[in-house]
């Protein structure tokens, strides 16, 4: 994507040092654009856990790069396999809800298993990290090409009037390696000259919508308006939302979807007002091993301070401010699960399908 006239991905190897991974520090956006250099496995774990990098696809890509850094670290020990396994366990437990992370770790294990020497393992791990990132870009690009058909149809039905789209949290290019999932169809429609406008949920408590999605859309020139999280139902009641597209962090084989907390409420409002509700995701976000999202998807609980404090720009400096009584307790659930019955369909790199097991498996028959 374009930032101040320069094309960026969200993660890449430093051009002159393949043992250094560059990422955009998302904790500082939208007020500061900073590229951080990560030169160790420990720093990558911290970047994922602290959400300097976040979003389903980017977490997966970061895990791919992280496992390469783990291989580099393990290569300097007496027992490569033991150390590599230990670091994989640590990495998998940094963010439990997003399945892309575990998927990327397992893929690194599978790919290097055929190598006989440590040098071969390092080369394969490096190549796999790059491949995971490249494939994420290709998938998100195709999601845009598939999903734009929904926006085009609504535009035709409205005789070319503006298509109003609601999204929740950030499932844009910052949440992936490029293009994004939920935003990819929006960007494609914008590039085709279709009139679009995006309602951007602020997405408490970390405000990824207000901070990240709005920043993306602003840089890209896409018309948008930030709203508080509880506004969407009102807008739907008054016909001001034509389509909802969100991302997901884990989707079961039956179509239940975990996404940022508050997504379930948007789906309920959409159902009540006959607004189509779609989830855009690459195949790496499907968890083919589980079917009951409410019972089987682990829900991450984060530090209560994310609720009690809010971060912003004050007198030119990024600062945090306490917004609750100091001693009041808080519970910070990071995700909720939207049942498949509330989801109109999934936009994937292989096409659009309904939110049920048979429809999903028609697109992905190898997972039957």
Protein backbone atom coordinates (compact mmCIF):
# COMPACT_ATOMS: atom_id res chain seq x y z
CA UNK A 1 0.00 0.00 0.00
CA UNK A 2 0.97 3.62 -0.49
CA UNK A 3 2.22 5.69 2.45
CA UNK A 4 3.38 9.19 1.56
CA UNK A 5 4.14 8.13 -2.00
CA UNK A 6 6.03 4.95 -1.07
CA UNK A 7 4.80 1.38 -1.34
CA UNK A 8 4.94 -0.71 1.82
CA UNK A 9 4.06 -4.14 3.04
CA UNK A 10 3.50 -4.64 6.75
CA UNK A 11 6.45 -7.04 7.15
CA UNK A 12 9.63 -7.75 5.17
CA UNK A 13 13.27 -8.75 5.46
CA UNK A 14 15.70 -5.85 5.63
CA UNK A 15 17.23 -5.49 2.19
CA UNK A 16 20.84 -5.86 3.34
CA UNK A 17 20.35 -8.27 6.25
CA UNK A 18 18.06 -11.30 6.07
CA UNK A 19 18.39 -11.83 9.82
CA UNK A 20 16.50 -8.59 10.44
CA UNK A 21 12.73 -8.35 9.96
CA UNK A 22 11.14 -4.94 9.42
CA UNK A 23 7.59 -4.21 10.64
CA UNK A 24 5.38 -1.14 10.97
CA UNK A 25 4.84 -0.36 14.65
CA UNK A 26 1.05 -0.20 14.81
CA UNK A 27 1.02 0.98 18.42
CA UNK A 28 2.12 4.42 17.24
CA UNK A 29 -0.40 4.85 14.42
CA UNK A 30 -2.08 7.06 13.32
CA UNK A 31 0.13 9.72 14.87
CA UNK A 32 3.56 8.34 14.04
CA UNK A 33 4.70 6.08 11.19
CA UNK A 34 7.68 4.09 12.47
CA UNK A 35 9.40 1.05 10.95
CA UNK A 36 10.89 -1.17 13.65
CA UNK A 37 13.71 -3.62 13.01
CA UNK A 38 13.35 -6.99 14.75
CA UNK A 39 16.56 -8.99 14.99
CA UNK A 40 15.66 -11.75 17.44
CA UNK A 41 13.00 -14.33 18.18
CA UNK A 42 12.33 -12.73 21.57
CA UNK A 43 11.62 -9.36 19.99
CA UNK A 44 9.22 -10.94 17.48
CA UNK A 45 7.32 -12.66 20.30
CA UNK A 46 7.02 -9.33 22.10
CA UNK A 47 5.89 -7.54 18.92
CA UNK A 48 3.07 -10.06 18.43
CA UNK A 49 2.04 -10.18 22.09
CA UNK A 50 2.10 -6.40 22.55
CA UNK A 51 0.27 -5.91 19.21
CA UNK A 52 2.92 -3.91 17.42
CA UNK A 53 1.89 -6.34 14.71
CA UNK A 54 -1.71 -7.60 14.78
CA UNK A 55 -4.47 -8.90 12.56
CA UNK A 56 -5.04 -12.47 11.43
CA UNK A 57 -2.93 -12.52 8.28
CA UNK A 58 -0.09 -10.43 9.66
CA UNK A 59 0.09 -12.53 12.82
CA UNK A 60 0.50 -15.58 10.58
CA UNK A 61 3.19 -13.89 8.51
CA UNK A 62 4.96 -12.63 11.63
CA UNK A 63 4.90 -16.17 13.01
CA UNK A 64 6.49 -17.38 9.78
CA UNK A 65 9.29 -14.85 10.12
CA UNK A 66 9.45 -15.53 13.85
CA UNK A 67 10.08 -19.21 13.24
CA UNK A 68 12.94 -18.29 10.92
CA UNK A 69 14.44 -16.17 13.72
CA UNK A 70 13.84 -19.14 16.05
CA UNK A 71 15.77 -21.36 13.66
CA UNK A 72 18.64 -18.86 13.62
CA UNK A 73 18.69 -18.87 17.43
CA UNK A 74 18.39 -22.67 17.64
CA UNK A 75 21.25 -23.12 15.16
CA UNK A 76 23.61 -21.58 17.74
CA UNK A 77 22.70 -24.15 20.43
CA UNK A 78 23.73 -27.77 21.01
CA UNK A 79 20.23 -29.17 20.39
CA UNK A 80 18.52 -27.51 17.42
CA UNK A 81 15.35 -29.62 17.51
CA UNK A 82 14.70 -29.17 21.23
CA UNK A 83 15.22 -25.40 21.11
CA UNK A 84 13.14 -25.02 17.94
CA UNK A 85 10.23 -26.94 19.48
CA UNK A 86 10.40 -24.88 22.69
CA UNK A 87 10.30 -21.62 20.75
CA UNK A 88 7.40 -22.85 18.63
CA UNK A 89 5.43 -23.52 21.81
CA UNK A 90 6.18 -20.01 23.08
CA UNK A 91 5.13 -18.43 19.79
CA UNK A 92 1.88 -20.37 19.54
CA UNK A 93 0.79 -19.11 22.95
CA UNK A 94 1.30 -15.40 22.32
CA UNK A 95 -2.17 -14.90 20.76
CA UNK A 96 -4.46 -17.94 21.22
CA UNK A 97 -7.53 -16.92 19.19
CA UNK A 98 -6.03 -16.23 15.74
CA UNK A 99 -5.53 -19.60 14.05
CA UNK A 100 -3.19 -18.16 11.40
CA UNK A 101 -0.40 -18.06 13.97
CA UNK A 102 -0.45 -21.77 14.76
CA UNK A 103 -0.97 -22.54 11.07
CA UNK A 104 2.22 -20.68 10.15
CA UNK A 105 4.24 -22.33 12.93
CA UNK A 106 3.06 -25.79 11.87
CA UNK A 107 3.86 -25.02 8.24
CA UNK A 108 7.43 -24.08 9.15
CA UNK A 109 7.80 -27.38 10.99
CA UNK A 110 6.48 -29.31 8.01
CA UNK A 111 8.66 -27.51 5.48
CA UNK A 112 11.95 -27.88 7.33
CA UNK A 113 11.33 -31.49 8.33
CA UNK A 114 12.81 -32.79 5.07
CA UNK A 115 16.10 -30.94 5.54
CA UNK A 116 19.06 -32.92 6.85
CA UNK A 117 21.46 -30.15 7.82
CA UNK A 118 20.96 -27.03 9.90
CA UNK A 119 22.03 -24.83 6.98
CA UNK A 120 19.30 -26.42 4.86
CA UNK A 121 16.77 -25.85 7.63
CA UNK A 122 17.70 -22.18 7.82
CA UNK A 123 17.37 -21.71 4.07
CA UNK A 124 13.98 -23.45 3.98
CA UNK A 125 12.69 -21.50 6.99
CA UNK A 126 13.71 -18.24 5.35
CA UNK A 127 12.03 -19.20 2.08
CA UNK A 128 8.87 -20.37 3.86
CA UNK A 129 8.57 -17.07 5.72
CA UNK A 130 8.72 -15.21 2.40
CA UNK A 131 6.25 -17.62 0.80
CA UNK A 132 3.72 -17.19 3.63
CA UNK A 133 3.87 -13.42 3.20
CA UNK A 134 3.63 -13.57 -0.60
CA UNK A 135 0.70 -15.98 -0.47
CA UNK A 136 -1.10 -13.71 1.99
CA UNK A 137 -0.78 -10.83 -0.48
CA UNK A 138 -2.07 -12.98 -3.35
CA UNK A 139 -5.03 -14.26 -1.30
CA UNK A 140 -6.05 -10.79 -0.18
CA UNK A 141 -5.79 -9.46 -3.72
CA UNK A 142 -8.10 -12.24 -4.93
CA UNK A 143 -10.52 -11.61 -2.05
CA UNK A 144 -10.85 -8.08 -3.40
CA UNK A 145 -11.55 -9.29 -6.93
CA UNK A 146 -14.18 -11.72 -5.68
CA UNK A 147 -15.80 -9.42 -3.14
CA UNK A 148 -16.06 -6.38 -5.40
CA UNK A 149 -18.90 -8.16 -7.22
CA UNK A 150 -21.12 -7.65 -4.15
CA UNK A 151 -20.41 -3.91 -4.15
CA UNK A 152 -20.93 -3.65 -7.91
CA UNK A 153 -24.35 -5.30 -7.61
CA UNK A 154 -25.46 -2.93 -4.86
CA UNK A 155 -24.18 0.03 -6.89
CA UNK A 156 -26.23 -1.07 -9.90
CA UNK A 157 -29.33 -1.50 -7.76
CA UNK A 158 -28.81 2.04 -6.40
CA UNK A 159 -28.30 3.44 -9.91
CA UNK A 160 -24.74 4.42 -9.16
CA UNK A 161 -25.41 6.14 -5.87
CA UNK A 162 -22.90 5.72 -3.05
CA UNK A 163 -22.61 2.25 -1.51
CA UNK A 164 -22.31 2.56 2.28
CA UNK A 165 -20.23 -0.18 3.87
CA UNK A 166 -19.70 -0.84 7.58
CA UNK A 167 -16.55 -2.53 8.81
CA UNK A 168 -15.44 -3.39 12.33
CA UNK A 169 -11.95 -3.27 13.82
CA UNK A 170 -9.14 -3.33 11.24
CA UNK A 171 -9.12 -6.04 8.60
CA UNK A 172 -7.18 -3.83 6.22
CA UNK A 173 -3.68 -4.06 4.81
CA UNK A 174 -2.28 -3.39 8.29
CA UNK A 175 -3.93 -6.62 9.49
CA UNK A 176 -2.40 -8.59 6.64
CA UNK A 177 0.71 -8.20 4.49
CA UNK A 178 -1.10 -6.07 1.91
CA UNK A 179 -4.62 -5.23 0.63
CA UNK A 180 -6.40 -6.66 3.69
CA UNK A 181 -9.44 -8.91 3.73
CA UNK A 182 -12.50 -6.76 4.52
CA UNK A 183 -10.98 -3.70 2.87
CA UNK A 184 -9.72 -5.41 -0.28
CA UNK A 185 -13.14 -5.38 -2.04
CA UNK A 186 -13.58 -1.75 -0.95
CA UNK A 187 -10.23 -0.71 -2.42
CA UNK A 188 -11.01 -2.58 -5.63
CA UNK A 189 -14.42 -0.89 -5.94
CA UNK A 190 -12.80 2.50 -5.30
CA UNK A 191 -10.21 1.86 -8.00
CA UNK A 192 -12.99 0.93 -10.45
CA UNK A 193 -14.69 4.26 -9.88
CA UNK A 194 -17.61 2.93 -7.86
CA UNK A 195 -18.86 5.44 -5.31
CA UNK A 196 -18.22 3.99 -1.87
CA UNK A 197 -18.32 5.31 1.67
CA UNK A 198 -17.10 3.38 4.71
CA UNK A 199 -18.55 3.65 8.20
CA UNK A 200 -15.61 2.93 10.51
CA UNK A 201 -16.40 1.53 13.96
CA UNK A 202 -13.97 2.98 16.51
CA UNK A 203 -13.57 -0.55 17.97
CA UNK A 204 -12.94 -0.17 21.67
CA UNK A 205 -10.87 -0.78 23.65
CA UNK A 206 -7.82 -0.50 21.37
CA UNK A 207 -9.59 1.63 18.74
CA UNK A 208 -8.18 -0.23 15.74
CA UNK A 209 -10.98 1.15 13.59
CA UNK A 210 -10.51 4.78 14.55
CA UNK A 211 -6.72 4.53 14.62
CA UNK A 212 -5.84 2.08 11.86
CA UNK A 213 -8.71 1.61 9.40
CA UNK A 214 -9.39 5.34 9.24
CA UNK A 215 -5.66 6.02 8.72
CA UNK A 216 -5.56 3.51 5.86
CA UNK A 217 -8.65 4.89 4.15
CA UNK A 218 -7.47 8.47 4.60
CA UNK A 219 -4.10 7.69 3.00
CA UNK A 220 -5.87 5.92 0.14
CA UNK A 221 -8.42 8.67 -0.42
CA UNK A 222 -11.47 6.49 0.31
CA UNK A 223 -14.45 8.44 1.75
CA UNK A 224 -15.14 7.34 5.31
CA UNK A 225 -16.65 8.41 8.62
CA UNK A 226 -15.63 7.24 12.10
CA UNK A 227 -18.48 6.26 14.43
CA UNK A 228 -18.66 4.96 17.98
CA UNK A 229 -19.22 1.24 18.30
CA UNK A 230 -22.88 1.53 19.28
CA UNK A 231 -23.95 3.62 16.27
CA UNK A 232 -24.22 0.90 13.62
CA UNK A 233 -27.67 -0.36 14.66
CA UNK A 234 -29.10 3.15 14.40
CA UNK A 235 -27.61 3.60 10.94
CA UNK A 236 -29.04 0.28 9.76
CA UNK A 237 -32.50 1.19 11.04
CA UNK A 238 -32.41 4.31 8.87
CA UNK A 239 -31.13 2.60 5.72
CA UNK A 240 -27.68 4.15 5.89
CA UNK A 241 -25.72 0.90 5.64
CA UNK A 242 -25.94 -1.27 2.51
CA UNK A 243 -23.39 -3.93 3.39
CA UNK A 244 -21.28 -5.11 6.32
CA UNK A 245 -17.86 -6.66 5.70
CA UNK A 246 -15.62 -7.70 8.58
CA UNK A 247 -12.58 -9.89 8.92
CA UNK A 248 -12.12 -12.90 11.20
CA UNK A 249 -9.42 -14.44 13.37
CA UNK A 250 -10.74 -18.01 13.29
CA UNK A 251 -13.62 -19.65 11.42
CA UNK A 252 -14.83 -23.18 12.10
CA UNK A 253 -15.61 -25.75 9.44
CA UNK A 254 -19.32 -25.09 10.10
CA UNK A 255 -19.08 -21.33 9.63
CA UNK A 256 -18.93 -19.90 13.15
CA UNK A 257 -16.54 -16.95 13.18
CA UNK A 258 -14.43 -15.36 15.91
CA UNK A 259 -13.56 -11.73 15.36
CA UNK A 260 -12.85 -8.60 17.38
CA UNK A 261 -15.24 -8.11 20.30
CA UNK A 262 -18.45 -6.43 19.13
CA UNK A 263 -18.72 -8.21 15.79
CA UNK A 264 -21.54 -10.42 17.08
CA UNK A 265 -23.64 -7.36 17.95
CA UNK A 266 -23.14 -5.95 14.42
CA UNK A 267 -24.30 -9.25 12.97
CA UNK A 268 -27.43 -9.22 15.14
CA UNK A 269 -28.28 -5.68 14.04
CA UNK A 270 -27.65 -6.58 10.40
CA UNK A 271 -29.94 -9.61 10.64
CA UNK A 272 -32.73 -7.55 12.19
CA UNK A 273 -32.49 -4.92 9.44
CA UNK A 274 -31.94 -7.26 6.46
CA UNK A 275 -28.45 -5.90 5.81
CA UNK A 276 -26.10 -8.48 4.22
CA UNK A 277 -23.29 -9.43 6.60
CA UNK A 278 -20.14 -10.90 5.02
CA UNK A 279 -16.83 -12.00 6.45
CA UNK A 280 -13.72 -11.78 4.27
CA UNK A 281 -10.90 -14.20 5.01
CA UNK A 282 -8.09 -16.22 3.44
CA UNK A 283 -8.13 -20.00 3.75
CA UNK A 284 -5.45 -19.86 6.47
CA UNK A 285 -8.08 -18.44 8.85
CA UNK A 286 -10.28 -21.56 8.67
CA UNK A 287 -9.83 -24.03 11.52
CA UNK A 288 -10.80 -27.29 9.86
CA UNK A 289 -10.51 -29.26 13.10
CA UNK A 290 -13.40 -27.65 14.98
CA UNK A 291 -17.09 -27.08 14.29
CA UNK A 292 -18.62 -25.41 17.37
CA UNK A 293 -17.24 -21.91 17.66
CA UNK A 294 -18.87 -21.04 20.97
CA UNK A 295 -17.45 -24.10 22.71
CA UNK A 296 -14.16 -24.66 20.91
CA UNK A 297 -12.63 -21.30 19.93
CA UNK A 298 -10.40 -19.96 22.72
CA UNK A 299 -11.19 -16.33 23.55
CA UNK A 300 -8.20 -14.24 24.49
CA UNK A 301 -8.57 -12.08 27.60
CA UNK A 302 -6.19 -9.15 27.59
CA UNK A 303 -4.94 -6.73 30.23
CA UNK A 304 -7.71 -4.71 31.86
CA UNK A 305 -5.63 -1.54 31.45
CA UNK A 306 -6.55 -1.52 27.76
CA UNK A 307 -10.09 -0.69 28.89
CA UNK A 308 -9.18 1.64 31.72
CA UNK A 309 -6.70 3.77 29.79
CA UNK A 310 -7.01 5.39 26.37
CA UNK A 311 -4.09 6.44 24.18
CA UNK A 312 -3.97 9.58 22.08
CA UNK A 313 -2.00 12.62 20.97
CA UNK A 314 -1.63 15.49 23.47
CA UNK A 315 0.57 18.52 22.91
CA UNK A 316 2.44 16.66 20.18
CA UNK A 317 3.16 13.59 22.31
CA UNK A 318 1.48 10.18 22.43
CA UNK A 319 0.18 9.64 25.95
CA UNK A 320 -2.23 7.46 27.94
CA UNK A 321 -5.07 8.79 30.07
CA UNK A 322 -7.06 6.99 32.78
CA UNK A 323 -10.79 7.13 31.94
CA UNK A 324 -12.24 4.95 34.71
CA UNK A 325 -12.08 4.99 38.52
CA UNK A 326 -8.57 3.83 39.34
CA UNK A 327 -9.68 0.93 41.53
CA UNK A 328 -12.67 -0.28 39.48
CA UNK A 329 -12.09 -3.78 38.03
CA UNK A 330 -12.46 -4.45 34.30
CA UNK A 331 -12.64 -7.57 32.08
CA UNK A 332 -11.13 -7.33 28.63
CA UNK A 333 -12.45 -10.00 26.25
CA UNK A 334 -10.62 -9.59 22.96
CA UNK A 335 -13.02 -11.49 20.69
CA UNK A 336 -16.55 -12.81 20.36
CA UNK A 337 -18.04 -15.55 18.18
CA UNK A 338 -20.68 -14.87 15.54
CA UNK A 339 -22.79 -17.98 14.82
CA UNK A 340 -22.99 -19.05 11.19
CA UNK A 341 -26.76 -18.39 11.09
CA UNK A 342 -26.08 -14.64 11.30
CA UNK A 343 -23.49 -14.60 8.51
CA UNK A 344 -24.68 -14.11 4.93
CA UNK A 345 -21.51 -15.56 3.47
CA UNK A 346 -17.73 -15.71 3.28
CA UNK A 347 -15.54 -13.89 0.77
CA UNK A 348 -12.42 -15.99 0.20
CA UNK A 349 -9.62 -16.20 -2.34
CA UNK A 350 -11.50 -19.09 -4.00
CA UNK A 351 -14.83 -17.30 -4.24
CA UNK A 352 -17.91 -16.41 -2.20
CA UNK A 353 -19.86 -19.07 -0.33
CA UNK A 354 -22.66 -19.39 2.19
CA UNK A 355 -21.83 -19.78 5.85
CA UNK A 356 -22.46 -23.49 6.22
CA UNK A 357 -20.27 -26.56 6.20
CA UNK A 358 -21.33 -27.94 2.80
CA UNK A 359 -20.86 -24.60 1.03
CA UNK A 360 -17.46 -24.03 2.62
CA UNK A 361 -16.27 -27.50 1.69
CA UNK A 362 -17.35 -27.02 -1.91
CA UNK A 363 -14.69 -24.31 -2.10
CA UNK A 364 -12.20 -26.38 -0.07
CA UNK A 365 -12.97 -30.05 -0.87
CA UNK A 366 -9.50 -31.16 0.26
CA UNK A 367 -10.60 -30.52 3.87
CA UNK A 368 -13.56 -32.89 3.88
